[in-house]
Amino acid sequence: MKTHAYIFLADGFEEIEAVCPADILRRSTPEVQLVSVTDGLTVTSAHGVRIVADMDFPAFLEHWKDVSATVPPHKCLLVFPGGLPGATNLAACGPLVTLAARHFSRGGLVGAICAAPGTLLPVMDAELRAEGHPGIRGRRFTCYPGCEGEPVALGAVHTGLPCETDGNLVTANGPGSAMDFAYALAQQLMGSGAVETLRRGMMWRF
């Protein structure tokens, strides 16, 4: 069955936290798209690196109508890189947060790294509760140190691990965990066997 992954980019994103998952996921499945939430396809990272996305956000929304109607939620992954102000810019994109919360409530996969869990999870929690779904209370997560306050206040459990998987939620704590984060995302989509083969081929802690 086809799998789909979307990595969202806003100005100020952390480069390795976007590019590393894009690389690993594209080795696992061809249906991986970089999505810009800015006014154009070119997005500037926190350190001034410019990346050209595959599609802008309006194009993604049209594309998502078909994908979400035909592909099971557990075969679709939404990825939120960290970096500042990138993570804050993503969390401020109302239509994206609403879409992510609805996807998550149906068992869809969501990944966030570094500052992104701290900015994304609270606004997702509000969207989930507004729709009558459980929020993030009791969900395990990790993030960049100092960004855990709001999710913890809402009842989420901060483990502080480099990478944490709790059901359909994958989080990681920063740039140094980008590879582990990427492999954890790939495992959610493709299964452990495919990821172990990939790790061996890439000479990554096999």
Protein backbone atom coordinates (compact mmCIF):
# COMPACT_ATOMS: atom_id res chain seq x y z
CA MET A 1 0.00 0.00 0.00
CA LYS A 2 1.27 3.48 -0.85
CA THR A 3 2.52 5.68 1.94
CA HIS A 4 2.67 9.47 1.92
CA ALA A 5 4.78 11.92 3.91
CA TYR A 6 4.69 15.71 4.01
CA ILE A 7 7.36 17.88 5.61
CA PHE A 8 6.20 21.43 6.31
CA LEU A 9 8.58 24.36 5.97
CA ALA A 10 8.21 27.87 7.35
CA ASP A 11 10.85 30.58 7.36
CA GLY A 12 13.26 29.96 10.21
CA PHE A 13 13.17 26.15 10.10
CA GLU A 14 16.12 24.03 11.29
CA GLU A 15 17.78 22.63 8.15
CA ILE A 16 18.87 19.19 9.31
CA GLU A 17 15.52 18.53 10.95
CA ALA A 18 13.79 18.93 7.58
CA VAL A 19 16.36 17.59 5.13
CA CYS A 20 17.33 14.50 7.13
CA PRO A 21 13.74 13.14 7.35
CA ALA A 22 13.23 14.03 3.67
CA ASP A 23 16.32 12.03 2.72
CA ILE A 24 15.56 8.98 4.86
CA LEU A 25 11.88 8.90 3.97
CA ARG A 26 12.56 9.21 0.24
CA ARG A 27 14.85 6.19 0.49
CA SER A 28 11.85 4.36 1.97
CA THR A 29 8.97 5.67 -0.13
CA PRO A 30 8.83 7.98 -3.17
CA GLU A 31 5.75 9.85 -1.98
CA VAL A 32 7.52 12.46 0.15
CA GLN A 33 6.80 16.15 -0.39
CA LEU A 34 8.27 19.33 1.06
CA VAL A 35 5.44 21.80 1.60
CA SER A 36 5.98 25.54 1.98
CA VAL A 37 3.62 27.50 4.21
CA THR A 38 5.16 30.79 3.07
CA ASP A 39 4.02 32.89 0.11
CA GLY A 40 6.31 31.06 -2.34
CA LEU A 41 8.14 27.79 -2.85
CA THR A 42 11.49 29.07 -1.58
CA VAL A 43 11.82 28.91 2.19
CA THR A 44 14.73 30.34 4.19
CA SER A 45 16.07 28.35 7.11
CA ALA A 46 17.16 29.59 10.52
CA HIS A 47 20.74 29.76 9.25
CA GLY A 48 20.03 31.35 5.89
CA VAL A 49 19.89 28.21 3.73
CA ARG A 50 17.24 28.44 1.05
CA ILE A 51 15.29 25.33 0.08
CA VAL A 52 12.78 25.06 -2.74
CA ALA A 53 9.70 23.13 -1.65
CA ASP A 54 7.78 20.74 -3.89
CA MET A 55 4.46 22.51 -3.41
CA ASP A 56 2.96 25.53 -1.70
CA PHE A 57 0.28 25.22 0.95
CA PRO A 58 -2.77 25.88 -1.27
CA ALA A 59 -1.57 23.16 -3.66
CA PHE A 60 -1.06 20.83 -0.71
CA LEU A 61 -4.62 21.41 0.52
CA GLU A 62 -6.02 20.43 -2.88
CA HIS A 63 -3.73 17.40 -3.03
CA TRP A 64 -4.66 16.40 0.52
CA LYS A 65 -8.35 16.20 -0.34
CA ASP A 66 -7.66 13.21 -2.57
CA VAL A 67 -4.99 11.59 -0.41
CA SER A 68 -6.96 11.80 2.84
CA ALA A 69 -10.02 10.33 1.12
CA THR A 70 -8.19 7.33 -0.34
CA VAL A 71 -5.18 6.52 1.87
CA PRO A 72 -5.54 5.17 5.43
CA PRO A 73 -4.45 7.71 8.07
CA HIS A 74 -1.73 5.42 9.42
CA LYS A 75 -0.10 5.50 5.98
CA CYS A 76 0.10 9.31 5.93
CA LEU A 77 2.73 11.23 7.87
CA LEU A 78 2.86 14.95 8.66
CA VAL A 79 6.28 16.21 9.78
CA PHE A 80 7.02 19.47 11.64
CA PRO A 81 10.70 20.50 11.81
CA GLY A 82 11.88 22.72 14.63
CA GLY A 83 14.05 25.79 14.56
CA LEU A 84 13.00 29.29 15.50
CA PRO A 85 11.01 31.09 14.38
CA GLY A 86 10.13 28.21 12.03
CA ALA A 87 8.34 26.10 14.64
CA THR A 88 6.38 29.12 15.83
CA ASN A 89 5.45 30.01 12.25
CA LEU A 90 4.14 26.50 11.61
CA ALA A 91 2.05 26.52 14.79
CA ALA A 92 0.60 29.88 13.74
CA CYS A 93 -0.70 28.44 10.46
CA GLY A 94 -4.29 27.81 11.53
CA PRO A 95 -5.43 25.67 8.57
CA LEU A 96 -2.36 23.44 8.96
CA VAL A 97 -2.92 22.92 12.68
CA THR A 98 -6.60 22.11 12.11
CA LEU A 99 -5.71 19.60 9.40
CA ALA A 100 -2.99 18.02 11.56
CA ALA A 101 -5.30 17.69 14.57
CA ARG A 102 -8.03 16.03 12.50
CA HIS A 103 -5.50 13.68 10.92
CA PHE A 104 -4.08 12.83 14.34
CA SER A 105 -7.54 12.17 15.80
CA ARG A 106 -8.12 9.55 13.07
CA GLY A 107 -4.89 7.73 13.92
CA GLY A 108 -2.80 9.61 11.39
CA LEU A 109 0.94 9.92 11.95
CA VAL A 110 2.44 13.19 13.19
CA GLY A 111 6.13 13.89 13.78
CA ALA A 112 7.67 16.96 15.45
CA ILE A 113 11.22 17.72 16.51
CA CYS A 114 13.15 20.25 18.59
CA ALA A 115 11.01 23.33 19.33
CA ALA A 116 8.10 22.05 17.24
CA PRO A 117 6.53 19.74 19.87
CA GLY A 118 6.44 22.67 22.30
CA THR A 119 4.69 24.97 19.83
CA LEU A 120 2.55 22.45 17.93
CA LEU A 121 1.16 20.18 20.64
CA PRO A 122 -0.64 22.91 22.63
CA VAL A 123 -2.46 24.29 19.59
CA MET A 124 -3.27 20.77 18.42
CA ASP A 125 -4.64 20.03 21.87
CA ALA A 126 -7.03 22.98 21.59
CA GLU A 127 -8.20 21.84 18.16
CA LEU A 128 -8.69 18.25 19.31
CA ARG A 129 -10.71 19.23 22.35
CA ALA A 130 -12.83 21.65 20.33
CA GLU A 131 -13.80 18.72 18.08
CA GLY A 132 -14.63 16.49 21.05
CA HIS A 133 -11.49 14.33 20.82
CA PRO A 134 -8.98 13.54 23.57
CA GLY A 135 -6.19 16.06 23.75
CA ILE A 136 -2.55 15.42 24.50
CA ARG A 137 -2.97 14.58 28.20
CA GLY A 138 -0.99 11.44 28.98
CA ARG A 139 0.83 11.38 25.65
CA ARG A 140 4.60 10.90 25.89
CA PHE A 141 6.81 13.37 24.03
CA THR A 142 10.25 14.92 23.96
CA CYS A 143 11.49 18.27 22.68
CA TYR A 144 14.31 20.78 22.90
CA PRO A 145 15.08 21.54 26.56
CA GLY A 146 13.01 24.47 27.77
CA CYS A 147 10.21 23.98 25.22
CA GLU A 148 8.27 21.42 27.22
CA GLY A 149 6.35 23.78 29.51
CA GLU A 150 3.05 24.22 27.66
CA PRO A 151 2.54 20.55 26.70
CA VAL A 152 3.37 19.47 30.26
CA ALA A 153 0.89 22.01 31.64
CA LEU A 154 -1.74 20.34 29.45
CA GLY A 155 -0.93 16.92 30.88
CA ALA A 156 1.52 15.54 28.33
CA VAL A 157 4.45 13.55 29.70
CA HIS A 158 7.90 14.88 28.85
CA THR A 159 10.39 11.99 28.79
CA GLY A 160 13.46 13.98 27.76
CA LEU A 161 14.67 11.15 25.53
CA PRO A 162 16.48 11.90 22.25
CA CYS A 163 13.55 10.40 20.35
CA GLU A 164 10.14 9.27 21.58
CA THR A 165 7.40 7.29 19.86
CA ASP A 166 3.97 7.15 21.48
CA GLY A 167 1.50 5.53 19.14
CA ASN A 168 0.97 7.81 16.17
CA LEU A 169 3.12 10.61 17.66
CA VAL A 170 6.88 10.74 17.04
CA THR A 171 8.97 13.49 18.65
CA ALA A 172 12.66 14.24 19.05
CA ASN A 173 14.75 16.68 21.04
CA GLY A 174 16.92 18.54 18.54
CA PRO A 175 19.25 18.62 15.53
CA GLY A 176 21.55 15.93 16.92
CA SER A 177 18.63 13.47 16.97
CA ALA A 178 17.53 14.16 13.39
CA MET A 179 18.71 10.77 12.09
CA ASP A 180 17.02 8.85 14.90
CA PHE A 181 13.89 10.91 14.33
CA ALA A 182 13.96 10.17 10.59
CA TYR A 183 14.35 6.43 11.13
CA ALA A 184 11.56 6.44 13.72
CA LEU A 185 9.29 8.15 11.20
CA ALA A 186 10.25 5.66 8.50
CA GLN A 187 9.55 2.77 10.86
CA GLN A 188 6.06 4.06 11.52
CA LEU A 189 5.37 4.14 7.79
CA MET A 190 7.31 1.14 6.51
CA GLY A 191 7.86 -1.21 9.44
CA SER A 192 10.99 -2.25 11.33
CA GLY A 193 12.27 -4.71 8.72
CA ALA A 194 12.48 -2.14 5.96
CA VAL A 195 14.12 0.37 8.28
CA GLU A 196 16.75 -2.12 9.47
CA THR A 197 17.72 -2.79 5.86
CA LEU A 198 17.93 0.94 5.25
CA ARG A 199 20.07 1.51 8.34
CA ARG A 200 22.52 -1.17 7.27
CA GLY A 201 22.77 0.26 3.79
CA MET A 202 23.50 3.71 5.21
CA MET A 203 25.95 2.38 7.82
CA TRP A 204 23.90 3.93 10.66
CA ARG A 205 24.36 2.19 14.03
CA PHE A 206 23.63 -1.26 12.65
